[in-house]
Protein backbone atom coordinates (compact mmCIF):
# COMPACT_ATOMS: atom_id res chain seq x y z
CA MET A 1 -79.73 -27.00 69.77
CA ALA A 2 -78.73 -30.73 69.38
CA THR A 3 -75.22 -30.62 70.13
CA ARG A 4 -72.86 -33.09 68.41
CA SER A 5 -70.22 -35.56 69.38
CA SER A 6 -68.49 -37.09 66.56
CA LEU A 7 -67.03 -39.75 68.26
CA PHE A 8 -67.52 -42.35 65.27
CA GLY A 9 -67.35 -39.56 63.15
CA GLY A 10 -69.61 -40.36 60.06
CA THR A 11 -72.89 -41.93 60.07
CA ARG A 12 -76.35 -39.89 60.75
CA ARG A 13 -79.46 -41.17 61.23
CA THR A 14 -81.87 -41.35 57.93
CA SER A 15 -84.70 -43.54 58.25
CA SER A 16 -87.25 -44.79 60.97
CA PRO A 17 -88.47 -48.08 62.34
CA GLU A 18 -91.58 -48.01 59.64
CA SER A 19 -88.98 -48.11 56.51
CA LEU A 20 -87.15 -51.91 57.24
CA GLU A 21 -84.67 -50.74 53.73
CA ILE A 22 -81.98 -50.50 56.64
CA LEU A 23 -82.65 -54.73 57.40
CA LYS A 24 -81.62 -54.83 52.65
CA ARG A 25 -78.47 -52.33 53.75
CA GLN A 26 -77.15 -53.39 56.87
CA VAL A 27 -73.03 -52.96 57.57
CA PRO A 28 -71.56 -54.67 60.69
CA HIS A 29 -70.03 -51.75 63.13
CA ARG A 30 -70.25 -49.01 60.79
CA LYS A 31 -69.27 -45.56 62.92
CA LEU A 32 -72.04 -43.20 64.25
CA GLU A 33 -72.60 -39.94 65.42
CA PHE A 34 -74.66 -39.30 68.46
CA TYR A 35 -76.52 -36.16 68.88
CA SER A 36 -78.45 -34.62 72.16
CA GLY A 37 -81.87 -35.31 71.98
CA GLU A 38 -81.35 -37.22 68.95
CA ILE A 39 -84.72 -40.17 68.97
CA LEU A 40 -83.38 -43.56 68.02
CA HIS A 41 -85.33 -46.73 67.54
CA VAL A 42 -83.32 -50.08 68.62
CA LEU A 43 -83.69 -53.23 68.05
CA ILE A 44 -83.26 -54.79 71.28
CA LEU A 45 -80.72 -57.89 72.14
CA GLY A 46 -79.42 -58.18 75.16
CA CYS A 47 -80.24 -55.85 78.35
CA THR A 48 -78.50 -55.98 81.34
CA ILE A 49 -78.09 -52.94 84.16
CA GLU A 50 -74.90 -51.75 83.13
CA ASP A 51 -76.29 -51.11 79.35
CA THR A 52 -78.60 -52.18 76.72
CA ILE A 53 -77.35 -53.23 73.39
CA GLY A 54 -78.92 -53.51 70.33
CA VAL A 55 -79.53 -52.59 66.73
CA ASP A 56 -80.20 -49.06 65.89
CA LEU A 57 -82.66 -49.01 62.37
CA ALA A 58 -81.47 -46.26 60.56
CA THR A 59 -77.91 -47.21 60.87
CA GLY A 60 -77.73 -51.07 60.92
CA ALA A 61 -75.01 -50.51 63.67
CA LEU A 62 -74.77 -51.71 67.18
CA VAL A 63 -75.56 -49.38 70.05
CA ARG A 64 -75.05 -49.74 73.54
CA LEU A 65 -77.73 -47.20 75.69
CA ARG A 66 -76.51 -45.95 79.10
CA VAL A 67 -79.94 -46.22 80.66
CA PRO A 68 -80.53 -44.76 84.07
CA TRP A 69 -82.55 -47.83 85.24
CA PRO A 70 -84.48 -46.04 89.14
CA ALA A 71 -83.68 -48.97 91.82
CA ASP A 72 -87.32 -49.46 91.44
CA HIS A 73 -87.67 -50.20 88.24
CA LEU A 74 -84.87 -53.82 86.96
CA PRO A 75 -84.42 -53.81 83.46
CA ASP A 76 -87.33 -55.03 81.81
CA LEU A 77 -86.61 -55.52 78.27
CA ALA A 78 -86.59 -58.32 76.35
CA ALA A 79 -84.43 -59.61 72.94
CA PHE A 80 -85.55 -58.41 69.47
CA ASP A 81 -88.02 -55.50 71.52
CA VAL A 82 -88.23 -52.47 69.47
CA VAL A 83 -87.46 -49.39 71.76
CA GLU A 84 -87.30 -45.96 70.77
CA ALA A 85 -84.91 -43.69 72.99
CA THR A 86 -83.83 -40.57 73.66
CA LEU A 87 -80.22 -39.71 73.82
CA ALA A 88 -79.45 -37.41 76.57
CA GLU A 89 -78.78 -33.60 76.50
CA ASP A 90 -74.93 -34.88 76.87
CA PRO A 91 -74.79 -38.48 75.28
CA LYS A 92 -71.47 -39.30 77.00
CA ALA A 93 -70.17 -40.66 73.87
CA ASP A 94 -66.43 -40.38 74.80
CA ASP A 95 -65.65 -43.95 76.81
CA LEU A 96 -62.68 -45.25 74.68
CA ALA A 97 -63.21 -48.82 75.47
CA GLN A 98 -67.21 -48.89 74.54
CA PRO A 99 -67.02 -46.42 71.36
CA GLU A 100 -70.62 -47.91 71.22
CA ALA A 101 -71.59 -45.43 73.74
CA ALA A 102 -74.08 -43.51 74.48
CA SER A 103 -76.49 -42.49 77.60
CA VAL A 104 -80.14 -41.80 77.07
CA LYS A 105 -82.62 -39.49 78.43
CA GLY A 106 -85.67 -41.71 80.97
CA LEU A 107 -86.55 -44.76 80.39
CA PRO A 108 -86.89 -46.25 76.46
CA ARG A 109 -90.35 -46.33 75.10
CA GLN A 110 -91.16 -50.27 73.56
CA VAL A 111 -93.01 -49.54 70.77
CA GLY A 112 -93.11 -53.40 68.98
CA THR A 113 -91.90 -56.88 68.28
CA LEU A 114 -89.35 -58.06 64.94
CA ARG A 115 -89.16 -61.46 64.36
CA GLY A 116 -88.77 -63.75 61.05
CA ARG A 117 -86.51 -63.47 58.54
CA ALA A 118 -85.84 -59.72 57.48
CA VAL A 119 -84.60 -60.22 61.71
CA ARG A 120 -82.77 -63.21 60.05
CA LYS A 121 -80.89 -61.40 57.75
CA MET A 122 -79.80 -58.58 59.63
CA LEU A 123 -78.43 -61.16 62.40
CA ALA A 124 -76.51 -62.84 60.03
CA ARG A 125 -74.97 -59.17 58.48
CA LEU A 126 -73.84 -57.98 61.86
CA GLN A 127 -72.88 -61.48 62.60
CA ALA A 128 -68.70 -61.17 63.54
CA PRO A 129 -66.24 -62.74 61.33
CA ILE A 130 -63.66 -65.33 62.86
CA ASP A 131 -60.62 -63.20 62.53
CA GLY A 132 -58.95 -62.99 65.33
CA PRO A 133 -59.35 -63.45 69.00
CA LEU A 134 -62.35 -62.27 70.92
CA LEU A 135 -63.15 -58.78 70.89
CA GLY A 136 -60.18 -57.85 69.71
CA PHE A 137 -57.47 -59.40 72.22
CA ARG A 138 -56.74 -62.90 73.84
CA GLY A 139 -57.93 -63.67 78.09
CA PRO A 140 -60.41 -62.70 79.17
CA SER A 141 -59.62 -59.09 80.10
CA ALA A 142 -57.62 -55.98 79.14
CA PRO A 143 -56.41 -53.32 80.72
CA TYR A 144 -58.65 -49.68 80.52
CA TRP A 145 -55.52 -47.60 79.32
CA GLU A 146 -55.44 -50.43 76.47
CA PHE A 147 -58.28 -49.29 74.61
CA SER A 148 -58.28 -45.88 72.46
CA GLY A 149 -61.62 -46.37 70.48
CA ASN A 150 -60.88 -47.41 67.29
CA ARG A 151 -62.29 -51.36 68.08
CA PRO A 152 -65.61 -52.71 69.15
CA SER A 153 -66.54 -53.03 72.39
CA ALA A 154 -69.57 -55.64 71.19
CA ALA A 155 -69.52 -58.67 69.16
CA LEU A 156 -72.54 -60.55 67.89
CA ILE A 157 -70.74 -64.42 67.15
CA VAL A 158 -71.52 -67.41 66.45
CA ALA A 159 -69.26 -70.00 68.09
CA THR A 160 -67.20 -72.50 66.55
CA ARG A 161 -68.06 -74.82 69.47
CA GLY A 162 -70.71 -75.40 71.60
CA PRO A 163 -71.91 -73.55 73.87
CA GLN A 164 -72.29 -74.57 77.35
CA LEU A 165 -74.25 -72.91 80.23
CA LEU A 166 -72.51 -73.38 83.66
CA HIS A 167 -73.32 -72.92 86.71
CA ARG A 168 -70.86 -72.64 90.04
CA PRO A 169 -72.94 -73.42 93.18
CA GLY A 170 -70.54 -71.62 95.24
CA GLU A 171 -69.86 -68.35 93.78
CA GLY A 172 -74.23 -68.15 92.44
CA THR A 173 -72.46 -67.26 88.98
CA THR A 174 -73.48 -68.73 85.62
CA TRP A 175 -70.59 -68.79 82.55
CA VAL A 176 -70.95 -69.60 78.87
CA ARG A 177 -68.14 -71.73 77.55
CA PHE A 178 -67.68 -72.27 74.06
CA GLY A 179 -64.92 -72.57 70.94
CA TRP A 180 -63.63 -69.62 69.16
CA GLU A 181 -61.20 -70.80 66.79
CA ARG A 182 -58.89 -72.48 68.56
CA ASP A 183 -59.67 -70.53 72.32
CA ASP A 184 -61.72 -72.10 74.90
CA VAL A 185 -63.95 -69.01 76.03
CA TRP A 186 -65.71 -69.14 79.42
CA LEU A 187 -67.15 -65.67 79.78
CA SER A 188 -69.59 -65.25 82.59
CA CYS A 189 -72.80 -64.90 81.84
CA GLU A 190 -75.76 -61.80 82.01
CA ASP A 191 -78.74 -63.58 80.50
CA GLN A 192 -80.97 -63.88 83.71
CA HIS A 193 -83.17 -65.84 81.02
CA ALA A 194 -80.39 -68.44 80.57
CA ALA A 195 -79.60 -68.56 83.80
CA ARG A 196 -83.01 -68.64 85.38
CA SER A 197 -83.51 -71.91 82.59
CA LEU A 198 -80.29 -73.59 83.99
CA VAL A 199 -81.26 -72.94 87.25
CA ALA A 200 -85.02 -74.77 86.39
CA ALA A 201 -82.73 -77.67 84.50
CA ARG A 202 -81.77 -78.66 87.63
CA ARG A 203 -78.54 -79.38 85.91
CA GLU A 204 -74.93 -77.97 87.03
CA GLN A 205 -73.65 -77.45 83.27
CA ILE A 206 -76.16 -78.04 80.17
CA ALA A 207 -75.47 -78.37 76.31
CA GLY A 208 -76.58 -79.23 73.11
CA LYS A 209 -80.36 -80.35 72.34
CA ASP A 210 -80.94 -80.09 76.62
CA MET A 211 -79.49 -76.80 76.76
CA ALA A 212 -81.66 -76.27 73.55
CA ILE A 213 -84.98 -77.41 75.71
CA ALA A 214 -84.39 -75.19 78.68
CA LEU A 215 -83.67 -72.18 76.29
CA GLY A 216 -87.08 -72.73 74.58
CA PHE A 217 -84.96 -72.05 71.29
CA LYS A 218 -81.67 -73.46 69.64
CA PRO A 219 -79.26 -71.22 71.09
CA HIS A 220 -77.34 -69.16 67.93
CA TYR A 221 -75.58 -66.06 68.14
CA LEU A 222 -73.78 -65.22 71.55
CA LEU A 223 -73.70 -61.81 72.38
CA THR A 224 -70.69 -60.72 73.44
CA ALA A 225 -69.23 -57.22 75.48
CA LEU A 226 -66.28 -55.31 77.03
CA SER A 227 -67.88 -54.34 80.51
CA LYS A 228 -67.51 -50.87 82.49
CA PRO A 229 -63.83 -50.96 83.77
CA PHE A 230 -63.52 -52.83 87.40
CA ASP A 231 -60.49 -52.31 89.59
CA GLY A 232 -58.71 -51.22 85.80
CA HIS A 233 -59.69 -53.32 83.77
CA CYS A 234 -62.40 -54.57 80.88
CA TYR A 235 -64.15 -58.04 81.09
CA LYS A 236 -65.32 -60.10 78.51
CA THR A 237 -68.97 -61.02 79.10
CA CYS A 238 -71.55 -62.87 77.31
CA VAL A 239 -74.64 -60.18 77.67
CA ALA A 240 -77.17 -62.77 75.63
CA ILE A 241 -77.94 -66.15 74.03
CA LEU A 242 -80.00 -66.03 71.06
CA PRO A 243 -81.42 -67.86 68.43
CA ARG A 244 -81.28 -67.57 64.87
CA GLY A 245 -84.43 -64.70 64.88
């Protein structure tokens, strides 16, 4: 029998990916219940070794799937893929810093792709409002013990200025710089496509039309998220740079 993890205490999934009614009634950051063995259908927005972030098509909520990627199988899901994933017997949906996260059993299975007007409407409804500091606090990180599970750990945003991609040769890292209200935000970029595009452009930094050419699309959304704890702190990151849809 499936067991319930009611961390979010509210919404069960009732629809299927065959019906796109969810695209008409989406609510950002809707609270979820996770059930062991439950099958989710998720529209992928960003995929890294740490977690896979997307939209649960049955509820319209952002979810973070913790996928057990084997050492010989790097994350290979792309933005706007639709996958089927089965929650683990113990979804481990009790992380107060990442309340949208749940563990899955095995690798998600790609079942299709969604693009076009319906997705554009869905992402527009998911867009986080500019009503305070990014992800609820100022600065690049916060101590893990400060989190209580009452605020989202992932947000789909539209920058008020930028974005700009930058490469730090000494570190071999890629960063995204953008404006959020009055803040000048710098986030580590985990988007491998963006990182490769910057290297291919033979530039240390890129923005505007040049950035759109390098990416192959005009950047519109930034998928931001909190990392797992590192030395006791959770850090803000940019998981993906996305078009309008």
